[in-house]
């Protein structure tokens, strides 16, 4: 099956945050607060995917309250957001056991070592163009877009368009 056709089989979308939904840069304020930047086009695509019946989950090592509020503001249920996760593969195992997903129907987009084990389990491992080499080596699709600059939109749009759920503009 070619890569483009694989997007059509996806029913569940899992994303990392730092380096995928953000550009992996941190602005550190004098009070120690960490600021991240997210792309509004990623946000639009996430909302659209959920409106079209796709499940969206977040698995992140970070636990920024601002990021959590943004994700919830996009309509991602709090129960689908796993923050402060040290061993992402354990969350995958719990979700897989609970939902009995067919791994071939799951897309995971990550960019760094904490994502590696999950990406070996899903049918459609994807990453942004600036992911580390080891992640790129196992991906079915490498977005031409960097993390935080619309790479999530890139993969979501492919899934929705191939399933006739994106809509004509």
Protein backbone atom coordinates (compact mmCIF):
# COMPACT_ATOMS: atom_id res chain seq x y z
CA UNK A 1 0.00 0.00 0.00
CA UNK A 2 1.43 3.40 -0.88
CA UNK A 3 1.73 6.07 1.81
CA UNK A 4 -1.11 8.24 0.52
CA UNK A 5 -3.54 5.30 0.53
CA UNK A 6 -2.59 4.55 4.14
CA UNK A 7 -4.01 7.92 5.22
CA UNK A 8 -7.46 6.75 4.07
CA UNK A 9 -7.52 3.92 6.63
CA UNK A 10 -6.91 6.21 9.63
CA UNK A 11 -9.66 6.57 12.24
CA UNK A 12 -7.68 7.72 15.28
CA UNK A 13 -5.11 10.53 15.47
CA UNK A 14 -2.53 10.76 18.27
CA UNK A 15 -0.16 13.70 18.65
CA UNK A 16 2.80 14.70 20.76
CA UNK A 17 2.88 18.40 21.71
CA UNK A 18 6.43 19.78 22.00
CA UNK A 19 8.07 19.59 18.58
CA UNK A 20 4.82 18.63 16.81
CA UNK A 21 2.02 20.98 17.87
CA UNK A 22 4.68 23.48 18.99
CA UNK A 23 7.95 24.42 17.35
CA UNK A 24 9.98 22.90 20.22
CA UNK A 25 11.26 26.33 21.25
CA UNK A 26 10.64 27.58 24.77
CA UNK A 27 10.56 31.21 25.80
CA UNK A 28 11.63 31.31 29.44
CA UNK A 29 10.31 34.26 31.44
CA UNK A 30 12.13 35.71 34.43
CA UNK A 31 9.56 34.12 36.76
CA UNK A 32 10.38 30.70 35.27
CA UNK A 33 7.20 30.40 33.21
CA UNK A 34 7.68 28.60 29.90
CA UNK A 35 5.87 29.88 26.83
CA UNK A 36 5.18 27.79 23.72
CA UNK A 37 3.80 28.71 20.34
CA UNK A 38 1.10 26.73 18.50
CA UNK A 39 -0.20 27.02 14.96
CA UNK A 40 -3.85 28.07 14.46
CA UNK A 41 -4.09 25.99 11.28
CA UNK A 42 -3.24 22.86 13.27
CA UNK A 43 -6.02 23.88 15.63
CA UNK A 44 -8.54 24.26 12.82
CA UNK A 45 -7.66 20.83 11.42
CA UNK A 46 -7.94 19.18 14.84
CA UNK A 47 -11.41 20.67 15.35
CA UNK A 48 -12.45 19.65 11.84
CA UNK A 49 -11.25 16.07 12.38
CA UNK A 50 -13.28 15.75 15.57
CA UNK A 51 -16.36 17.26 13.90
CA UNK A 52 -16.02 14.60 11.21
CA UNK A 53 -15.98 11.80 13.77
CA UNK A 54 -12.25 11.12 14.10
CA UNK A 55 -10.83 10.52 17.56
CA UNK A 56 -7.98 12.81 18.61
CA UNK A 57 -5.68 12.08 21.54
CA UNK A 58 -2.67 13.94 22.93
CA UNK A 59 0.22 12.20 24.69
CA UNK A 60 2.83 14.63 25.98
CA UNK A 61 5.59 14.77 28.52
CA UNK A 62 4.80 18.42 29.18
CA UNK A 63 2.15 19.64 31.58
CA UNK A 64 1.74 23.30 30.76
CA UNK A 65 -1.63 24.61 31.93
CA UNK A 66 -1.71 26.98 28.95
CA UNK A 67 -1.24 24.11 26.51
CA UNK A 68 -3.95 22.08 28.25
CA UNK A 69 -6.36 25.02 28.04
CA UNK A 70 -5.60 25.47 24.33
CA UNK A 71 -6.18 21.79 23.60
CA UNK A 72 -9.42 21.74 25.58
CA UNK A 73 -10.42 24.97 23.78
CA UNK A 74 -10.07 23.10 20.50
CA UNK A 75 -12.64 20.62 21.81
CA UNK A 76 -10.31 17.76 22.71
CA UNK A 77 -11.94 16.12 25.73
CA UNK A 78 -9.77 16.27 28.86
CA UNK A 79 -10.06 12.47 28.98
CA UNK A 80 -8.18 12.34 25.65
CA UNK A 81 -5.26 14.48 26.85
CA UNK A 82 -2.42 12.68 28.62
CA UNK A 83 0.01 15.26 30.01
CA UNK A 84 3.12 14.86 32.14
CA UNK A 85 3.64 11.37 30.74
CA UNK A 86 7.08 9.90 31.30
CA UNK A 87 6.52 6.55 29.57
CA UNK A 88 4.30 7.20 26.55
CA UNK A 89 4.24 3.53 25.57
CA UNK A 90 2.34 2.77 28.81
CA UNK A 91 -0.42 5.20 27.81
CA UNK A 92 -0.54 3.58 24.38
CA UNK A 93 -0.94 0.14 25.96
CA UNK A 94 -3.78 1.38 28.19
CA UNK A 95 -5.57 3.07 25.30
CA UNK A 96 -5.06 0.09 23.02
CA UNK A 97 -6.46 -2.26 25.64
CA UNK A 98 -9.43 0.00 26.39
CA UNK A 99 -10.43 0.89 22.82
CA UNK A 100 -9.19 -2.24 21.04
CA UNK A 101 -7.90 -0.12 18.17
CA UNK A 102 -6.67 -1.75 15.01
CA UNK A 103 -3.13 -0.31 14.96
CA UNK A 104 -3.35 0.05 11.16
CA UNK A 105 -6.10 2.63 11.73
CA UNK A 106 -4.01 4.77 14.10
CA UNK A 107 -1.74 7.68 13.13
CA UNK A 108 0.79 8.95 15.65
CA UNK A 109 2.86 12.06 15.01
CA UNK A 110 5.97 12.51 17.13
CA UNK A 111 9.40 14.02 16.79
CA UNK A 112 11.78 12.71 19.46
CA UNK A 113 12.88 9.68 21.48
CA UNK A 114 9.90 9.63 23.90
CA UNK A 115 7.64 8.94 20.88
CA UNK A 116 9.73 6.11 19.43
CA UNK A 117 8.08 3.08 21.06
CA UNK A 118 4.52 4.16 20.23
CA UNK A 119 5.53 4.93 16.68
CA UNK A 120 6.71 1.34 16.32
CA UNK A 121 3.20 0.13 17.29
CA UNK A 122 0.91 2.23 15.09
CA UNK A 123 0.10 1.71 11.44
CA UNK A 124 0.91 5.26 10.38
CA UNK A 125 3.88 6.78 12.21
CA UNK A 126 4.45 10.37 11.03
CA UNK A 127 6.75 13.20 11.97
CA UNK A 128 7.50 16.84 11.14
CA UNK A 129 10.41 17.65 8.85
CA UNK A 130 12.61 18.68 11.78
CA UNK A 131 12.20 15.47 13.81
CA UNK A 132 15.31 13.64 14.95
CA UNK A 133 16.91 11.19 12.53
CA UNK A 134 15.89 8.09 14.50
CA UNK A 135 12.21 9.07 14.33
CA UNK A 136 12.40 9.92 10.62
CA UNK A 137 13.89 6.49 9.96
CA UNK A 138 10.77 4.66 11.19
CA UNK A 139 8.10 6.98 9.78
CA UNK A 140 5.71 6.07 7.00
CA UNK A 141 5.34 9.80 6.28
CA UNK A 142 7.61 12.76 6.98
CA UNK A 143 5.74 16.01 6.64
CA UNK A 144 7.60 18.68 4.66
CA UNK A 145 6.48 21.07 7.42
CA UNK A 146 8.31 21.69 10.70
CA UNK A 147 6.82 21.13 14.13
CA UNK A 148 4.54 23.96 15.27
CA UNK A 149 4.25 25.31 11.73
CA UNK A 150 1.33 23.20 10.48
CA UNK A 151 2.62 19.62 10.28
CA UNK A 152 -0.43 18.32 12.18
CA UNK A 153 -2.66 20.13 9.69
CA UNK A 154 -0.72 18.46 6.89
CA UNK A 155 -1.49 14.92 8.06
CA UNK A 156 -5.04 15.64 9.21
CA UNK A 157 -5.89 17.27 5.90
CA UNK A 158 -4.63 14.19 4.04
CA UNK A 159 -6.74 11.87 6.19
CA UNK A 160 -9.86 13.98 5.79
CA UNK A 161 -9.46 14.65 2.08
CA UNK A 162 -8.94 10.97 1.29
CA UNK A 163 -12.10 10.18 3.25
CA UNK A 164 -14.11 12.93 1.51
CA UNK A 165 -14.48 14.79 4.82
CA UNK A 166 -12.45 17.94 4.21
CA UNK A 167 -15.03 19.74 2.07
CA UNK A 168 -14.66 21.99 -0.93
CA UNK A 169 -13.79 25.61 -0.41
